[in-house]
Protein backbone atom coordinates (compact mmCIF):
# COMPACT_ATOMS: atom_id res chain seq x y z
CA MET A 1 14.04 -4.37 -17.40
CA ILE A 2 14.78 -5.32 -13.94
CA ALA A 3 13.52 -3.00 -11.14
CA VAL A 4 15.70 -2.42 -7.97
CA LEU A 5 14.87 -0.58 -4.80
CA LEU A 6 17.03 2.28 -3.45
CA ALA A 7 16.84 3.95 -0.18
CA HIS A 8 14.79 7.24 -0.24
CA GLY A 9 16.77 10.29 -1.03
CA VAL A 10 20.04 8.72 -2.42
CA ALA A 11 19.33 8.88 -6.18
CA GLU A 12 21.16 11.67 -7.95
CA ALA A 13 21.95 11.61 -11.65
CA GLY A 14 25.61 10.91 -12.33
CA THR A 15 26.27 9.25 -8.96
CA ARG A 16 26.95 5.64 -8.04
CA VAL A 17 24.84 4.00 -5.33
CA PRO A 18 25.57 0.57 -3.77
CA LEU A 19 22.67 -1.81 -3.47
CA ASP A 20 21.80 -3.32 -0.18
CA ALA A 21 22.35 -6.96 0.46
CA ASP A 22 18.63 -7.94 -0.48
CA GLU A 23 18.79 -6.02 -3.76
CA ALA A 24 22.27 -7.32 -4.71
CA HIS A 25 20.95 -10.87 -4.11
CA HIS A 26 17.93 -10.03 -6.16
CA VAL A 27 19.92 -8.90 -9.34
CA ARG A 28 22.20 -11.99 -9.06
CA VAL A 29 19.22 -14.35 -8.82
CA ARG A 30 17.80 -12.62 -11.87
CA ARG A 31 21.13 -13.16 -13.64
CA ALA A 32 21.41 -9.50 -14.47
CA ALA A 33 24.63 -8.74 -16.41
CA ASP A 34 27.24 -6.13 -15.72
CA GLY A 35 26.19 -2.98 -17.64
CA ALA A 36 22.51 -3.90 -17.71
CA ALA A 37 19.94 -1.12 -17.64
CA VAL A 38 17.76 -1.12 -14.51
CA ARG A 39 14.74 0.74 -13.38
CA LEU A 40 15.17 2.57 -10.01
CA LEU A 41 12.44 2.81 -7.41
CA ASP A 42 12.45 3.95 -3.76
CA GLY A 43 8.71 3.86 -2.85
CA ALA A 44 8.47 7.64 -2.53
CA GLY A 45 8.10 8.66 -6.20
CA LEU A 46 11.46 7.76 -7.71
CA ASP A 47 11.03 6.42 -11.18
CA GLY A 48 14.56 6.52 -12.53
CA ARG A 49 16.96 4.58 -14.76
CA GLY A 50 20.43 3.33 -14.06
CA THR A 51 23.10 0.98 -15.18
CA LEU A 52 24.15 -2.00 -13.02
CA HIS A 53 27.80 -2.67 -12.29
CA PHE A 54 29.36 -5.47 -10.20
CA GLU A 55 32.48 -4.51 -8.20
CA GLY A 56 33.76 -7.61 -6.59
CA ARG A 57 31.13 -8.69 -4.17
CA ARG A 58 29.25 -5.48 -4.41
CA ALA A 59 26.47 -4.41 -6.78
CA VAL A 60 26.11 -0.78 -7.57
CA VAL A 61 23.98 1.27 -9.90
CA GLU A 62 25.15 4.36 -11.79
CA ILE A 63 22.19 6.78 -11.84
CA VAL A 64 21.41 7.94 -15.35
CA ASP A 65 17.99 9.54 -14.56
CA ALA A 66 16.40 10.31 -11.21
CA SER A 67 12.92 11.46 -12.32
CA ARG A 68 10.04 11.39 -9.82
CA ALA A 69 6.32 10.51 -10.41
CA ALA A 70 3.56 12.53 -8.99
CA PRO A 71 1.93 11.02 -5.99
CA PRO A 72 -1.39 9.10 -6.48
CA ALA A 73 -4.62 10.34 -4.95
CA PRO A 74 -4.75 9.53 -1.27
CA LEU A 75 -6.28 6.18 -0.37
CA THR A 76 -5.96 4.94 3.21
CA LEU A 77 -6.90 1.40 4.25
CA ALA A 78 -7.48 1.10 7.98
CA VAL A 79 -7.65 -2.66 8.64
CA GLY A 80 -8.23 -4.68 11.68
CA ALA A 81 -4.76 -5.79 12.88
CA GLY A 82 -5.18 -9.60 12.53
CA ASP A 83 -2.71 -12.28 11.55
CA ARG A 84 0.68 -10.74 10.77
CA GLU A 85 1.35 -13.02 7.80
CA ARG A 86 -1.87 -12.24 6.11
CA PHE A 87 -1.35 -8.52 6.87
CA GLY A 88 2.08 -8.74 5.22
CA TRP A 89 0.57 -10.15 2.08
CA LEU A 90 -1.98 -7.22 2.19
CA ALA A 91 0.91 -4.77 2.44
CA GLU A 92 2.46 -6.14 -0.78
CA LYS A 93 -0.67 -6.19 -2.67
CA ALA A 94 -1.81 -2.80 -1.47
CA ALA A 95 1.25 -1.33 -3.26
CA GLU A 96 0.09 -2.89 -6.47
CA LEU A 97 -3.30 -1.26 -6.09
CA GLY A 98 -2.19 2.27 -5.44
CA VAL A 99 -2.87 2.44 -1.68
CA THR A 100 -1.08 5.32 -0.12
CA ALA A 101 -1.44 4.47 3.58
CA LEU A 102 -2.10 1.28 5.43
CA ILE A 103 -3.09 1.54 9.13
CA PRO A 104 -3.47 -1.56 11.38
CA VAL A 105 -6.39 -0.82 13.66
CA GLU A 106 -6.70 -2.50 17.07
CA ALA A 107 -10.27 -3.61 17.33
CA GLU A 108 -11.94 -5.72 20.02
CA ARG A 109 -12.07 -8.99 18.05
CA ALA A 110 -8.41 -8.77 17.04
CA GLY A 111 -7.06 -8.49 20.60
CA HIS A 112 -7.00 -12.09 21.32
CA VAL A 113 -5.37 -13.21 18.12
CA ASP A 114 -1.97 -14.63 19.09
CA THR A 115 -0.47 -14.11 15.65
CA ARG A 116 -1.83 -10.51 15.37
CA LEU A 117 0.37 -7.77 13.96
CA ARG A 118 2.40 -5.78 16.45
CA ALA A 119 4.32 -2.57 16.30
CA GLY A 120 7.73 -4.19 16.10
CA GLN A 121 6.76 -5.78 12.72
CA VAL A 122 5.81 -2.59 10.89
CA GLU A 123 9.40 -2.21 9.36
CA ARG A 124 9.23 -5.62 7.81
CA LEU A 125 5.71 -4.76 6.36
CA GLN A 126 7.10 -1.66 4.89
CA ARG A 127 9.78 -3.52 3.08
CA ARG A 128 7.14 -5.99 1.72
CA ALA A 129 5.08 -3.00 0.46
CA ARG A 130 8.16 -1.59 -1.34
CA GLU A 131 8.86 -5.09 -2.85
CA GLY A 132 5.38 -4.92 -4.37
CA LEU A 133 6.51 -2.14 -6.59
CA LYS A 134 8.69 -4.45 -8.60
CA GLN A 135 5.72 -6.42 -9.84
CA SER A 136 3.33 -3.43 -10.38
CA GLY A 137 5.55 -0.88 -11.83
CA ALA A 138 4.14 1.74 -9.34
CA ALA A 139 6.52 4.43 -8.12
CA TRP A 140 4.80 4.99 -4.66
CA ALA A 141 4.51 2.38 -1.87
CA PRO A 142 1.90 2.76 0.88
CA LEU A 143 3.18 4.15 4.16
CA ILE A 144 2.66 1.51 6.82
CA HIS A 145 1.65 2.96 10.10
CA PRO A 146 2.12 1.34 13.51
CA PRO A 147 -1.09 -0.18 15.08
CA VAL A 148 -3.47 2.27 16.53
CA ALA A 149 -6.53 1.97 18.59
CA LEU A 150 -9.77 2.17 16.66
CA ALA A 151 -11.13 5.16 18.67
CA ALA A 152 -7.89 7.02 17.95
CA PHE A 153 -8.15 6.32 14.24
CA LEU A 154 -11.77 7.46 14.10
CA ALA A 155 -10.98 10.60 15.99
CA GLY A 156 -8.09 11.48 13.63
CA SER A 157 -9.68 10.57 10.28
CA ASP A 158 -10.31 13.67 8.10
CA ALA A 159 -10.74 12.17 4.62
CA PRO A 160 -13.61 13.84 2.80
CA VAL A 161 -14.87 10.32 1.60
CA ARG A 162 -15.04 7.51 4.20
CA TRP A 163 -16.22 3.97 3.71
CA LEU A 164 -17.02 1.34 6.24
CA ALA A 165 -16.72 -2.21 4.76
CA ASP A 166 -20.10 -3.69 5.68
CA ALA A 167 -22.34 -6.16 3.89
CA THR A 168 -25.45 -4.18 4.80
CA GLY A 169 -24.26 -1.17 2.86
CA ASP A 170 -24.71 0.03 -0.70
CA GLY A 171 -22.31 -0.99 -3.53
CA PRO A 172 -19.32 1.15 -4.28
CA PRO A 173 -20.08 4.19 -6.49
CA ALA A 174 -19.43 3.82 -10.24
CA ALA A 175 -17.21 6.95 -10.47
CA LEU A 176 -15.00 8.81 -8.06
CA GLY A 177 -12.80 11.88 -8.10
CA THR A 178 -9.40 12.23 -6.55
CA ALA A 179 -10.61 13.39 -3.05
CA ALA A 180 -8.85 11.66 -0.24
CA LEU A 181 -10.66 8.41 0.72
CA ALA A 182 -10.37 6.23 3.75
CA VAL A 183 -11.76 2.74 4.07
CA LEU A 184 -12.24 0.99 7.41
CA VAL A 185 -12.21 -2.87 7.39
CA GLY A 186 -12.83 -4.88 10.54
CA PRO A 187 -10.73 -7.75 11.78
CA GLU A 188 -11.55 -11.49 11.48
CA GLY A 189 -15.01 -11.82 12.96
CA GLY A 190 -15.82 -8.15 12.12
CA LEU A 191 -16.34 -5.03 14.16
CA THR A 192 -18.62 -5.17 17.17
CA ASP A 193 -22.03 -3.35 17.03
CA ALA A 194 -20.63 -0.58 19.19
CA GLU A 195 -17.54 -0.26 16.88
CA ARG A 196 -19.64 0.02 13.83
CA SER A 197 -21.85 2.60 15.50
CA ALA A 198 -18.80 4.63 16.36
CA ALA A 199 -17.48 4.39 12.91
CA ARG A 200 -20.75 5.61 11.48
CA ALA A 201 -20.92 8.50 13.90
CA ALA A 202 -17.40 9.38 12.67
CA GLY A 203 -18.69 9.69 9.10
CA PHE A 204 -17.90 6.25 7.71
CA HIS A 205 -20.65 5.29 5.20
CA PRO A 206 -21.33 1.48 4.90
CA VAL A 207 -20.23 -0.01 1.59
CA ALA A 208 -20.72 -3.61 0.55
CA LEU A 209 -17.81 -5.13 -1.22
CA GLY A 210 -19.22 -8.52 -2.19
CA ALA A 211 -22.01 -10.99 -1.80
CA ASN A 212 -20.09 -13.14 0.69
CA ILE A 213 -18.33 -12.64 3.98
CA LEU A 214 -14.68 -11.61 3.09
CA ARG A 215 -11.56 -12.10 5.21
CA PHE A 216 -9.97 -8.78 6.22
CA GLU A 217 -7.25 -8.79 3.61
CA THR A 218 -9.70 -9.71 0.81
CA ALA A 219 -12.12 -6.96 1.83
CA ALA A 220 -9.42 -4.43 1.97
CA LEU A 221 -8.07 -5.32 -1.52
CA ALA A 222 -11.55 -5.46 -2.89
CA ALA A 223 -12.14 -1.94 -1.61
CA ALA A 224 -8.83 -0.65 -3.13
CA ALA A 225 -9.62 -2.20 -6.44
CA ALA A 226 -13.18 -0.71 -6.36
CA VAL A 227 -11.68 2.75 -5.66
CA GLY A 228 -9.13 2.41 -8.40
CA ILE A 229 -11.76 1.43 -10.96
CA ALA A 230 -14.12 4.20 -9.84
CA ARG A 231 -11.41 6.83 -9.99
CA ALA A 232 -10.35 5.77 -13.42
CA ARG A 233 -13.89 6.02 -14.69
CA GLY A 234 -14.31 9.39 -12.99
CA ALA A 235 -11.17 10.65 -14.72
CA ARG A 236 -12.50 9.47 -18.10
CA GLU A 237 -15.88 11.02 -17.58
CA GLY A 238 -14.33 14.30 -16.33
CA SER A 239 -12.24 14.60 -19.46
CA GLY A 240 -15.12 13.66 -21.72
CA GLY A 241 -13.64 10.38 -22.70
């Protein structure tokens, strides 16, 4: 079944909703037939069903069901705001791994990267994150935040569980609960000694994510995957399974 993206808040059973230009192009490229059943997503919990119709040049969906999925356990990735194209790829894959928030962090060693992510590119990243839902089947896309200074992020972070991606740390825990978790990943070249010290002072515990030095997008996704595996194991152990 083809998945299509709707704007948040427009899905109501029994109504017809026009698809935007990107989604209309998507269903035509996929050669979807008039009357085809489609899955409806909006990145904010919608997990509905509809029927596709073509009205001249327009593509619309008739909303059959507008059910909503419960939100996933909070998982924030705060990542050095490096190259925007690689950050865009990260946004898409973060949606597949259940990340709930992606925060570009302005760190010292990212400041001189000419291709670094900037505030005006956040909307495009949000679209890429939502696009990632079509592949993964998830109902929730991560919220992409504008770039923020590292000091501001550290001052505002209140997640009960906080990881600092650092090769000198321990490995990820085998099992986790559903408590909110934040992971800080440095930019290309890593955080400076002063930045690492500030992160640790803010309660971020060093966690090693691999035997080799990882690019920022690889480290962020490795962390997200480790959290997902540990939470799934924690759920099984908690239920006695």
